[in-house]
N, C-alpha and C. Protein backbone atom coordinates (compact mmCIF):
# COMPACT_ATOMS: atom_id res chain seq x y z
N UNK A 1 106.93 171.13 138.79
CA UNK A 1 107.65 171.88 137.91
C UNK A 1 106.65 172.40 136.79
N UNK A 2 106.90 173.58 136.30
CA UNK A 2 105.99 174.23 135.36
C UNK A 2 106.73 174.16 134.03
N UNK A 3 106.25 173.38 133.02
CA UNK A 3 107.02 173.07 131.85
C UNK A 3 106.64 174.00 130.71
N UNK A 4 105.41 174.52 130.66
CA UNK A 4 105.03 175.45 129.75
C UNK A 4 103.81 176.29 130.22
N UNK A 5 103.70 177.49 129.63
CA UNK A 5 102.57 178.39 130.02
C UNK A 5 101.90 178.94 128.80
N UNK A 6 100.69 178.91 128.71
CA UNK A 6 99.95 179.45 127.56
C UNK A 6 99.04 180.55 128.16
N UNK A 7 99.07 181.78 127.57
CA UNK A 7 98.26 182.84 128.11
C UNK A 7 98.21 183.99 127.19
N UNK A 8 97.64 185.04 127.64
CA UNK A 8 97.47 186.32 126.77
C UNK A 8 98.48 187.24 127.18
N UNK A 9 99.17 187.76 126.15
CA UNK A 9 100.30 188.64 126.23
C UNK A 9 99.77 190.07 126.76
N UNK A 10 100.18 190.45 127.95
CA UNK A 10 99.67 191.75 128.52
C UNK A 10 100.71 192.84 128.47
N UNK A 11 101.96 192.57 128.71
CA UNK A 11 103.02 193.60 128.71
C UNK A 11 104.29 192.98 128.31
N UNK A 12 105.25 193.89 127.81
CA UNK A 12 106.49 193.37 127.22
C UNK A 12 107.53 194.38 127.85
N UNK A 13 108.73 193.84 128.35
CA UNK A 13 109.81 194.69 128.70
C UNK A 13 111.07 194.21 127.88
N UNK A 14 112.17 194.72 128.18
CA UNK A 14 113.46 194.40 127.43
C UNK A 14 113.78 192.93 127.60
N UNK A 15 113.53 192.32 128.75
CA UNK A 15 113.82 190.89 129.00
C UNK A 15 112.77 190.07 129.74
N UNK A 16 111.54 190.54 129.67
CA UNK A 16 110.40 189.96 130.46
C UNK A 16 109.10 190.18 129.64
N UNK A 17 108.11 189.34 129.93
CA UNK A 17 106.79 189.50 129.53
C UNK A 17 105.84 189.24 130.66
N UNK A 18 104.63 189.83 130.58
CA UNK A 18 103.49 189.39 131.49
C UNK A 18 102.51 188.71 130.70
N UNK A 19 102.19 187.50 131.16
CA UNK A 19 101.13 186.67 130.56
C UNK A 19 100.09 186.48 131.52
N UNK A 20 98.81 186.67 131.05
CA UNK A 20 97.68 186.42 131.87
C UNK A 20 97.21 184.94 131.62
N UNK A 21 97.26 184.21 132.70
CA UNK A 21 96.95 182.82 132.67
C UNK A 21 95.90 182.47 133.76
N UNK A 22 94.63 182.21 133.20
CA UNK A 22 93.61 181.86 134.19
C UNK A 22 93.28 182.88 135.24
N UNK A 23 93.30 184.17 134.86
CA UNK A 23 93.12 185.27 135.76
C UNK A 23 94.29 185.73 136.59
N UNK A 24 95.44 185.04 136.45
CA UNK A 24 96.68 185.41 137.14
C UNK A 24 97.68 185.96 136.16
N UNK A 25 98.30 187.08 136.41
CA UNK A 25 99.38 187.57 135.53
C UNK A 25 100.76 187.09 136.08
N UNK A 26 101.52 186.46 135.15
CA UNK A 26 102.79 185.96 135.54
C UNK A 26 103.87 186.89 134.87
N UNK A 27 104.91 187.22 135.54
CA UNK A 27 106.10 187.83 134.90
C UNK A 27 107.11 186.74 134.65
N UNK A 28 107.45 186.61 133.32
CA UNK A 28 108.35 185.59 132.85
C UNK A 28 109.54 186.23 132.24
N UNK A 29 110.79 185.87 132.67
CA UNK A 29 112.04 186.33 132.02
C UNK A 29 112.22 185.65 130.72
N UNK A 30 112.40 186.44 129.66
CA UNK A 30 112.51 185.86 128.27
C UNK A 30 113.63 186.45 127.51
N UNK A 31 114.37 185.70 126.67
CA UNK A 31 115.38 186.30 125.83
C UNK A 31 114.83 187.33 124.88
N UNK A 32 115.58 188.46 124.68
CA UNK A 32 115.13 189.41 123.83
C UNK A 32 114.83 188.95 122.42
N UNK A 33 115.51 187.95 121.97
CA UNK A 33 115.25 187.40 120.59
C UNK A 33 113.89 186.68 120.58
N UNK A 34 113.41 186.16 121.64
CA UNK A 34 112.12 185.46 121.69
C UNK A 34 111.00 186.57 121.75
N UNK A 35 111.23 187.63 122.47
CA UNK A 35 110.21 188.61 122.65
C UNK A 35 109.78 189.13 121.21
N UNK A 36 110.66 189.38 120.35
CA UNK A 36 110.24 189.81 119.01
C UNK A 36 109.43 188.83 118.22
N UNK A 37 109.36 187.57 118.71
CA UNK A 37 108.58 186.55 117.92
C UNK A 37 107.16 186.32 118.55
N UNK A 38 106.91 187.00 119.65
CA UNK A 38 105.70 186.61 120.34
C UNK A 38 104.39 187.06 119.78
N UNK A 39 104.40 188.03 118.95
CA UNK A 39 103.18 188.55 118.32
C UNK A 39 102.66 189.74 118.98
N UNK A 40 101.38 190.07 118.61
CA UNK A 40 100.83 191.42 119.19
C UNK A 40 100.29 191.25 120.61
N UNK A 41 100.22 192.38 121.29
CA UNK A 41 99.67 192.36 122.61
C UNK A 41 98.20 191.95 122.52
N UNK A 42 97.82 191.21 123.56
CA UNK A 42 96.43 190.61 123.59
C UNK A 42 96.32 189.33 122.93
N UNK A 43 97.45 188.89 122.25
CA UNK A 43 97.41 187.62 121.56
C UNK A 43 97.81 186.51 122.38
N UNK A 44 97.46 185.30 122.03
CA UNK A 44 97.66 184.00 122.75
C UNK A 44 99.22 183.63 122.53
N UNK A 45 99.86 183.31 123.63
CA UNK A 45 101.28 182.96 123.58
C UNK A 45 101.54 181.75 124.36
N UNK A 46 102.46 180.89 123.79
CA UNK A 46 102.83 179.70 124.55
C UNK A 46 104.38 179.78 124.73
N UNK A 47 104.81 179.69 126.03
CA UNK A 47 106.27 179.62 126.33
C UNK A 47 106.65 178.35 127.00
N UNK A 48 107.77 177.76 126.63
CA UNK A 48 108.26 176.61 127.34
C UNK A 48 109.05 177.21 128.48
N UNK A 49 108.90 176.66 129.67
CA UNK A 49 109.41 177.36 130.92
C UNK A 49 110.24 176.48 131.79
N UNK A 50 111.02 177.31 132.57
CA UNK A 50 111.91 176.66 133.59
C UNK A 50 111.74 177.54 134.90
N UNK A 51 111.38 176.85 135.99
CA UNK A 51 111.20 177.54 137.25
C UNK A 51 112.54 177.43 138.07
N UNK A 52 112.93 178.52 138.60
CA UNK A 52 114.20 178.56 139.40
C UNK A 52 113.97 179.44 140.56
N UNK A 53 114.48 178.89 141.75
CA UNK A 53 114.37 179.78 143.01
C UNK A 53 115.68 180.58 143.12
N UNK A 54 115.54 181.91 143.13
CA UNK A 54 116.72 182.72 143.35
C UNK A 54 116.47 183.74 144.48
N UNK A 55 117.36 183.65 145.47
CA UNK A 55 117.27 184.49 146.69
C UNK A 55 115.86 184.26 147.24
N UNK A 56 115.44 183.06 147.42
CA UNK A 56 114.17 182.62 147.96
C UNK A 56 112.99 183.16 147.27
N UNK A 57 113.15 183.62 145.93
CA UNK A 57 112.01 184.04 145.16
C UNK A 57 111.97 183.17 143.91
N UNK A 58 110.73 182.75 143.52
CA UNK A 58 110.65 181.96 142.40
C UNK A 58 110.74 182.92 141.14
N UNK A 59 111.51 182.39 140.17
CA UNK A 59 111.69 183.18 138.90
C UNK A 59 111.41 182.18 137.76
N UNK A 60 110.53 182.57 136.81
CA UNK A 60 110.11 181.70 135.72
C UNK A 60 110.76 182.28 134.49
N UNK A 61 111.45 181.37 133.78
CA UNK A 61 112.13 181.74 132.53
C UNK A 61 111.38 181.09 131.35
N UNK A 62 111.13 181.81 130.33
CA UNK A 62 110.30 181.38 129.22
C UNK A 62 111.02 181.41 127.93
N UNK A 63 110.62 180.43 126.97
CA UNK A 63 111.34 180.36 125.68
C UNK A 63 110.32 179.99 124.69
N UNK A 64 110.59 180.46 123.45
CA UNK A 64 109.61 180.21 122.37
C UNK A 64 109.70 178.76 121.85
N UNK A 65 110.83 178.07 122.13
CA UNK A 65 111.06 176.72 121.69
C UNK A 65 111.81 175.88 122.75
N UNK A 66 111.61 174.53 122.65
CA UNK A 66 112.30 173.67 123.55
C UNK A 66 113.80 173.68 123.35
N UNK A 67 114.33 173.79 122.08
CA UNK A 67 115.75 173.94 121.93
C UNK A 67 116.39 175.10 122.69
N UNK A 68 115.67 176.20 122.66
CA UNK A 68 116.08 177.43 123.37
C UNK A 68 116.22 177.17 124.85
N UNK A 69 115.14 176.42 125.37
CA UNK A 69 115.17 176.21 126.83
C UNK A 69 116.29 175.16 127.11
N UNK A 70 116.55 174.16 126.35
CA UNK A 70 117.56 173.23 126.57
C UNK A 70 118.91 173.84 126.63
N UNK A 71 119.14 174.79 125.63
CA UNK A 71 120.40 175.48 125.53
C UNK A 71 120.55 176.37 126.77
N UNK A 72 119.57 177.01 127.20
CA UNK A 72 119.54 177.84 128.48
C UNK A 72 120.03 176.98 129.65
N UNK A 73 119.37 175.76 129.79
CA UNK A 73 119.72 174.83 130.91
C UNK A 73 121.24 174.42 130.80
N UNK A 74 121.67 174.05 129.54
CA UNK A 74 123.09 173.65 129.35
C UNK A 74 124.04 174.79 129.81
N UNK A 75 123.70 175.99 129.37
CA UNK A 75 124.57 177.19 129.71
C UNK A 75 124.55 177.37 131.19
N UNK A 76 123.48 177.14 131.91
CA UNK A 76 123.40 177.32 133.33
C UNK A 76 124.30 176.24 134.08
N UNK A 77 124.57 175.19 133.44
CA UNK A 77 125.42 174.14 133.98
C UNK A 77 126.88 174.48 133.98
N UNK A 78 127.29 175.57 133.22
CA UNK A 78 128.74 175.84 133.10
C UNK A 78 129.05 176.75 134.25
N UNK A 79 130.18 176.45 134.90
CA UNK A 79 130.67 177.26 136.08
C UNK A 79 130.74 178.69 135.80
N UNK A 80 130.19 179.47 136.65
CA UNK A 80 130.25 180.94 136.47
C UNK A 80 129.21 181.52 135.54
N UNK A 81 128.37 180.69 134.93
CA UNK A 81 127.26 181.14 134.02
C UNK A 81 125.95 180.91 134.76
N UNK A 82 125.30 182.02 134.98
CA UNK A 82 123.91 181.89 135.63
C UNK A 82 122.85 182.27 134.62
N UNK A 83 121.65 182.33 135.08
CA UNK A 83 120.47 182.69 134.20
C UNK A 83 120.64 183.98 133.50
N UNK A 84 121.21 185.07 134.15
CA UNK A 84 121.36 186.33 133.54
C UNK A 84 122.20 186.23 132.27
N UNK A 85 123.40 185.61 132.37
CA UNK A 85 124.35 185.51 131.27
C UNK A 85 123.78 184.55 130.19
N UNK A 86 123.07 183.54 130.64
CA UNK A 86 122.41 182.61 129.61
C UNK A 86 121.42 183.34 128.83
N UNK A 87 120.54 184.21 129.48
CA UNK A 87 119.57 185.04 128.70
C UNK A 87 120.39 186.01 127.78
N UNK A 88 121.42 186.61 128.29
CA UNK A 88 122.14 187.54 127.44
C UNK A 88 122.74 186.86 126.24
N UNK A 89 123.24 185.65 126.31
CA UNK A 89 123.72 184.92 125.17
C UNK A 89 122.69 184.52 124.20
N UNK A 90 121.52 184.08 124.68
CA UNK A 90 120.42 183.75 123.77
C UNK A 90 119.84 185.03 123.11
N UNK A 91 119.78 186.13 123.80
CA UNK A 91 119.31 187.41 123.27
C UNK A 91 120.11 187.90 122.20
N UNK A 92 121.47 187.83 122.42
CA UNK A 92 122.46 188.41 121.51
C UNK A 92 122.61 187.49 120.28
N UNK A 93 122.71 186.24 120.41
CA UNK A 93 123.08 185.33 119.29
C UNK A 93 121.88 184.48 118.76
N UNK A 94 120.84 184.23 119.54
CA UNK A 94 119.76 183.34 119.10
C UNK A 94 120.24 181.91 119.16
N UNK A 95 119.34 180.97 119.04
CA UNK A 95 119.66 179.54 119.29
C UNK A 95 120.63 178.99 118.30
N UNK A 96 120.39 179.14 116.99
CA UNK A 96 121.29 178.52 115.97
C UNK A 96 122.66 179.07 116.02
N UNK A 97 122.79 180.40 116.11
CA UNK A 97 124.08 181.14 116.03
C UNK A 97 124.81 180.75 117.37
N UNK A 98 124.15 180.64 118.48
CA UNK A 98 124.83 180.30 119.73
C UNK A 98 125.30 178.79 119.68
N UNK A 99 124.53 177.90 119.17
CA UNK A 99 125.00 176.60 118.95
C UNK A 99 126.16 176.49 118.10
N UNK A 100 126.11 177.19 116.98
CA UNK A 100 127.15 177.18 116.07
C UNK A 100 128.50 177.76 116.65
N UNK A 101 128.34 178.86 117.35
CA UNK A 101 129.49 179.46 118.09
C UNK A 101 130.21 178.44 119.04
N UNK A 102 129.31 177.80 119.78
CA UNK A 102 129.79 176.77 120.81
C UNK A 102 130.48 175.66 120.03
N UNK A 103 129.81 175.10 118.99
CA UNK A 103 130.30 173.97 118.30
C UNK A 103 131.66 174.33 117.56
N UNK A 104 131.82 175.55 117.14
CA UNK A 104 133.05 175.99 116.42
C UNK A 104 134.07 176.61 117.45
N UNK A 105 133.73 176.72 118.71
CA UNK A 105 134.69 177.31 119.59
C UNK A 105 134.94 178.77 119.27
N UNK A 106 133.91 179.49 118.79
CA UNK A 106 134.04 180.86 118.35
C UNK A 106 133.95 181.81 119.57
N UNK A 107 135.07 182.06 120.20
CA UNK A 107 135.19 182.92 121.48
C UNK A 107 134.74 184.36 121.19
N UNK A 108 135.05 184.83 119.95
CA UNK A 108 134.72 186.19 119.68
C UNK A 108 133.24 186.42 119.69
N UNK A 109 132.53 185.49 119.00
CA UNK A 109 130.97 185.58 118.98
C UNK A 109 130.46 185.42 120.42
N UNK A 110 130.86 184.43 121.13
CA UNK A 110 130.35 184.27 122.49
C UNK A 110 130.67 185.43 123.44
N UNK A 111 131.81 185.96 123.28
CA UNK A 111 132.19 187.15 124.12
C UNK A 111 131.48 188.48 123.77
N UNK A 112 130.86 188.45 122.59
CA UNK A 112 130.11 189.62 122.05
C UNK A 112 128.85 189.97 122.88
N UNK A 113 128.33 188.88 123.60
CA UNK A 113 127.14 189.11 124.40
C UNK A 113 127.46 190.00 125.76
N UNK A 114 126.51 190.80 126.11
CA UNK A 114 126.87 191.69 127.30
C UNK A 114 127.14 190.85 128.53
N UNK A 115 128.29 191.14 129.18
CA UNK A 115 128.61 190.46 130.46
C UNK A 115 129.40 189.16 130.29
N UNK A 116 129.63 188.77 129.04
CA UNK A 116 130.42 187.55 128.84
C UNK A 116 131.86 187.95 128.29
N UNK A 117 132.79 187.66 129.21
CA UNK A 117 134.17 187.98 128.89
C UNK A 117 134.85 186.81 128.13
N UNK A 118 136.05 186.98 127.63
CA UNK A 118 136.70 185.98 126.92
C UNK A 118 136.96 184.63 127.66
N UNK A 119 137.29 184.79 128.98
CA UNK A 119 137.55 183.62 129.84
C UNK A 119 136.14 182.83 129.96
N UNK A 120 135.04 183.42 130.25
CA UNK A 120 133.77 182.78 130.37
C UNK A 120 133.38 182.22 129.08
N UNK A 121 133.65 182.92 127.96
CA UNK A 121 133.28 182.45 126.62
C UNK A 121 134.13 181.14 126.31
N UNK A 122 135.37 181.14 126.66
CA UNK A 122 136.25 179.96 126.52
C UNK A 122 135.70 178.82 127.35
N UNK A 123 135.24 179.04 128.56
CA UNK A 123 134.75 177.99 129.45
C UNK A 123 133.50 177.41 128.82
N UNK A 124 132.61 178.28 128.31
CA UNK A 124 131.38 177.74 127.70
C UNK A 124 131.66 176.89 126.51
N UNK A 125 132.55 177.37 125.68
CA UNK A 125 132.87 176.53 124.44
C UNK A 125 133.52 175.21 124.89
N UNK A 126 134.41 175.31 125.76
CA UNK A 126 135.12 174.07 126.28
C UNK A 126 134.13 173.00 126.84
N UNK A 127 133.28 173.48 127.76
CA UNK A 127 132.38 172.61 128.58
C UNK A 127 131.25 172.17 127.67
N UNK A 128 130.68 172.91 126.78
CA UNK A 128 129.49 172.55 126.00
C UNK A 128 129.75 171.97 124.61
N UNK A 129 130.91 172.12 124.10
CA UNK A 129 131.17 171.70 122.69
C UNK A 129 130.78 170.26 122.55
N UNK A 130 131.15 169.36 123.49
CA UNK A 130 130.76 167.93 123.31
C UNK A 130 129.31 167.69 123.49
N UNK A 131 128.63 168.52 124.23
CA UNK A 131 127.14 168.36 124.44
C UNK A 131 126.28 168.86 123.32
N UNK A 132 126.82 169.77 122.55
CA UNK A 132 126.02 170.29 121.39
C UNK A 132 126.19 169.23 120.26
N UNK A 133 124.98 168.77 119.84
CA UNK A 133 125.01 167.83 118.77
C UNK A 133 125.73 168.33 117.52
N UNK A 134 126.69 167.52 117.03
CA UNK A 134 127.56 167.98 115.96
C UNK A 134 126.75 168.67 114.87
N UNK A 135 125.66 168.04 114.47
CA UNK A 135 124.90 168.52 113.29
C UNK A 135 123.96 169.76 113.65
N UNK A 136 123.74 169.94 114.90
CA UNK A 136 122.77 171.01 115.28
C UNK A 136 123.20 172.28 114.82
N UNK A 137 124.51 172.64 114.78
CA UNK A 137 124.94 173.91 114.33
C UNK A 137 124.77 174.18 112.87
N UNK A 138 124.56 173.05 112.12
CA UNK A 138 124.53 173.21 110.66
C UNK A 138 123.09 173.01 110.13
N UNK A 139 122.12 172.97 110.98
CA UNK A 139 120.74 172.70 110.62
C UNK A 139 120.24 173.77 109.76
N UNK A 140 120.42 175.04 110.22
CA UNK A 140 120.06 176.25 109.41
C UNK A 140 118.52 176.31 109.11
N UNK A 141 117.66 176.19 110.13
CA UNK A 141 116.24 176.24 109.91
C UNK A 141 115.80 177.63 110.36
N UNK A 142 115.06 178.32 109.51
CA UNK A 142 114.60 179.61 110.01
C UNK A 142 113.52 179.49 111.05
N UNK A 143 113.71 180.24 112.15
CA UNK A 143 112.75 180.05 113.29
C UNK A 143 111.36 180.44 112.88
N UNK A 144 110.39 179.70 113.45
CA UNK A 144 109.03 179.98 113.13
C UNK A 144 108.51 179.34 111.91
N UNK A 145 109.35 178.78 111.05
CA UNK A 145 108.86 178.10 109.79
C UNK A 145 108.24 176.73 110.16
N UNK A 146 107.50 176.22 109.19
CA UNK A 146 106.96 174.91 109.46
C UNK A 146 108.04 173.89 109.60
N UNK A 147 109.06 173.98 108.90
CA UNK A 147 110.15 173.02 109.09
C UNK A 147 110.74 173.09 110.50
N UNK A 148 110.84 174.30 111.05
CA UNK A 148 111.35 174.41 112.45
C UNK A 148 110.44 173.82 113.43
N UNK A 149 109.06 173.99 113.23
CA UNK A 149 108.11 173.41 114.09
C UNK A 149 108.23 171.79 114.04
N UNK A 150 108.29 171.26 112.85
CA UNK A 150 108.41 169.84 112.70
C UNK A 150 109.71 169.35 113.47
N UNK A 151 110.85 170.00 113.25
CA UNK A 151 112.12 169.57 113.79
C UNK A 151 112.04 169.70 115.31
N UNK A 152 111.49 170.85 115.73
CA UNK A 152 111.42 171.02 117.22
C UNK A 152 110.54 169.98 117.93
N UNK A 153 109.42 169.65 117.21
CA UNK A 153 108.51 168.60 117.76
C UNK A 153 109.18 167.19 117.74
N UNK A 154 109.96 166.87 116.76
CA UNK A 154 110.72 165.66 116.76
C UNK A 154 111.83 165.67 117.86
N UNK A 155 112.42 166.76 117.98
CA UNK A 155 113.46 166.86 119.09
C UNK A 155 112.82 166.76 120.47
N UNK A 156 111.71 167.27 120.67
CA UNK A 156 110.94 167.16 121.89
C UNK A 156 110.60 165.65 122.19
N UNK A 157 110.48 164.90 121.18
CA UNK A 157 110.24 163.46 121.33
C UNK A 157 111.44 162.62 121.47
N UNK A 158 112.61 163.30 121.57
CA UNK A 158 113.83 162.60 121.89
C UNK A 158 114.72 162.36 120.71
N UNK A 159 114.39 162.77 119.57
CA UNK A 159 115.28 162.58 118.37
C UNK A 159 116.29 163.67 118.36
N UNK A 160 117.50 163.43 117.86
CA UNK A 160 118.54 164.45 117.71
C UNK A 160 118.17 165.39 116.58
N UNK A 161 118.83 166.56 116.56
CA UNK A 161 118.61 167.50 115.56
C UNK A 161 118.98 167.05 114.13
N UNK A 162 120.01 166.24 114.05
CA UNK A 162 120.38 165.62 112.80
C UNK A 162 119.43 164.53 112.35
N UNK A 163 118.96 163.67 113.22
CA UNK A 163 117.91 162.76 112.84
C UNK A 163 116.65 163.36 112.46
N UNK A 164 116.24 164.52 113.12
CA UNK A 164 115.04 165.16 112.77
C UNK A 164 115.10 165.79 111.35
N UNK A 165 116.31 166.48 111.18
CA UNK A 165 116.46 167.09 109.76
C UNK A 165 116.42 165.97 108.67
N UNK A 166 117.09 164.92 108.91
CA UNK A 166 117.12 163.80 107.92
C UNK A 166 115.76 163.29 107.65
N UNK A 167 114.98 163.12 108.76
CA UNK A 167 113.52 162.65 108.51
C UNK A 167 112.76 163.60 107.73
N UNK A 168 112.90 164.89 108.04
CA UNK A 168 112.17 165.89 107.23
C UNK A 168 112.73 165.96 105.85
N UNK A 169 113.89 165.85 105.55
CA UNK A 169 114.46 165.81 104.15
C UNK A 169 113.99 164.59 103.43
N UNK A 170 113.65 163.54 104.17
CA UNK A 170 113.19 162.32 103.55
C UNK A 170 111.79 162.28 103.02
N UNK A 171 110.99 163.42 103.46
CA UNK A 171 109.58 163.45 103.07
C UNK A 171 109.55 163.94 101.63
N UNK A 172 108.83 163.26 100.83
CA UNK A 172 108.67 163.60 99.36
C UNK A 172 107.36 164.46 99.18
N UNK A 173 107.49 165.47 98.43
CA UNK A 173 106.27 166.27 98.09
C UNK A 173 105.52 166.58 99.37
N UNK A 174 106.13 167.01 100.47
CA UNK A 174 105.51 167.38 101.73
C UNK A 174 105.13 168.81 101.81
N UNK A 175 105.49 169.67 100.90
CA UNK A 175 105.30 171.10 101.11
C UNK A 175 103.91 171.63 101.21
N UNK A 176 102.95 170.79 100.76
CA UNK A 176 101.52 171.22 100.78
C UNK A 176 100.79 170.47 101.89
N UNK A 177 101.57 169.66 102.77
CA UNK A 177 101.04 168.99 103.93
C UNK A 177 100.93 169.87 105.19
N UNK A 178 100.07 169.57 106.07
CA UNK A 178 100.05 170.25 107.30
C UNK A 178 101.21 169.87 108.19
N UNK A 179 101.52 170.72 109.17
CA UNK A 179 102.65 170.36 110.14
C UNK A 179 102.38 169.06 110.81
N UNK A 180 101.16 168.81 111.21
CA UNK A 180 100.81 167.57 111.93
C UNK A 180 101.07 166.34 111.06
N UNK A 181 100.70 166.50 109.74
CA UNK A 181 100.82 165.43 108.77
C UNK A 181 102.37 165.09 108.53
N UNK A 182 103.12 166.20 108.43
CA UNK A 182 104.55 166.06 108.19
C UNK A 182 105.19 165.41 109.42
N UNK A 183 104.77 165.67 110.58
CA UNK A 183 105.34 165.07 111.88
C UNK A 183 105.02 163.62 111.80
N UNK A 184 103.75 163.26 111.47
CA UNK A 184 103.37 161.87 111.41
C UNK A 184 104.19 161.14 110.41
N UNK A 185 104.37 161.66 109.24
CA UNK A 185 105.16 161.00 108.22
C UNK A 185 106.64 160.91 108.56
N UNK A 186 107.16 161.85 109.26
CA UNK A 186 108.50 161.73 109.74
C UNK A 186 108.61 160.68 110.75
N UNK A 187 107.66 160.57 111.66
CA UNK A 187 107.72 159.50 112.64
C UNK A 187 107.63 158.11 112.04
N UNK A 188 106.93 158.03 110.95
CA UNK A 188 106.87 156.76 110.22
C UNK A 188 108.28 156.34 109.72
N UNK A 189 109.04 157.30 109.42
CA UNK A 189 110.37 156.99 108.89
C UNK A 189 111.26 156.43 110.10
N UNK A 190 110.92 156.89 111.24
CA UNK A 190 111.65 156.31 112.40
C UNK A 190 111.00 154.91 112.84
N UNK A 191 109.88 154.69 112.22
CA UNK A 191 109.15 153.42 112.65
C UNK A 191 108.33 153.52 113.89
N UNK A 192 107.99 154.88 114.29
CA UNK A 192 107.36 155.12 115.56
C UNK A 192 106.03 155.76 115.41
N UNK A 193 105.40 155.93 114.30
CA UNK A 193 104.17 156.67 114.15
C UNK A 193 103.34 155.98 113.15
N UNK A 194 102.13 156.35 113.16
CA UNK A 194 101.22 155.79 112.17
C UNK A 194 99.88 156.49 112.21
C-alpha cells in the first residue's frame, strides 16, 4: 500500500496532479479543494494517498491531510458512493464543511455537490453520522495553519479531533513555539511524549 507520496509538482488538472517521484511521474486524483493548496509548479508536495484498482487499472487518490483521506475512505464505504462522488463532495465542501454537513444531517449541503442527489445525500448522512466524531464538525481550524498541522498530527497518532483540540487549547503561551514543540507538549498532556 502506498500511504503517502512526496514529489515535485509537474502538472495540474481540474481533479488530478502529476508528481515527479524519483524520476517517475505519477498521476494522482485529488479533490479540487486540495489542488488550490499545493503551491507553485516545481515545488515539493506531499500527499497522503489511497491506492485503488478500478477496471483492472491502479488509481492513486491523494489528499493534503489525513482527515481528508479518512473522510474519503468513509464516503467510499457508503452504498452507491464511489471515488468519483467522494472527490466531488470533498471538492465542493472541503473537509470541515463536509464533516459538519454529515454531523448535522444537512441534505441540502450534501446534495449541492455535482452528481449527489437527495437520496444519496440522505444515505451519506444516515450511514456516516455516527462515524463522524461529534466534536469534529465544530473544531473550526483553518486549513494549513499551525494549529491544523498540530491537530492533524495528533489525529494521525490515534487521538480524536476533540482530544486533539483540547490538548492544543491546554497549551499556555504556545504561539511562539514551533509546530514540533507544540506537538511534543500536547503529547505530554496525554502522558505519551517527552
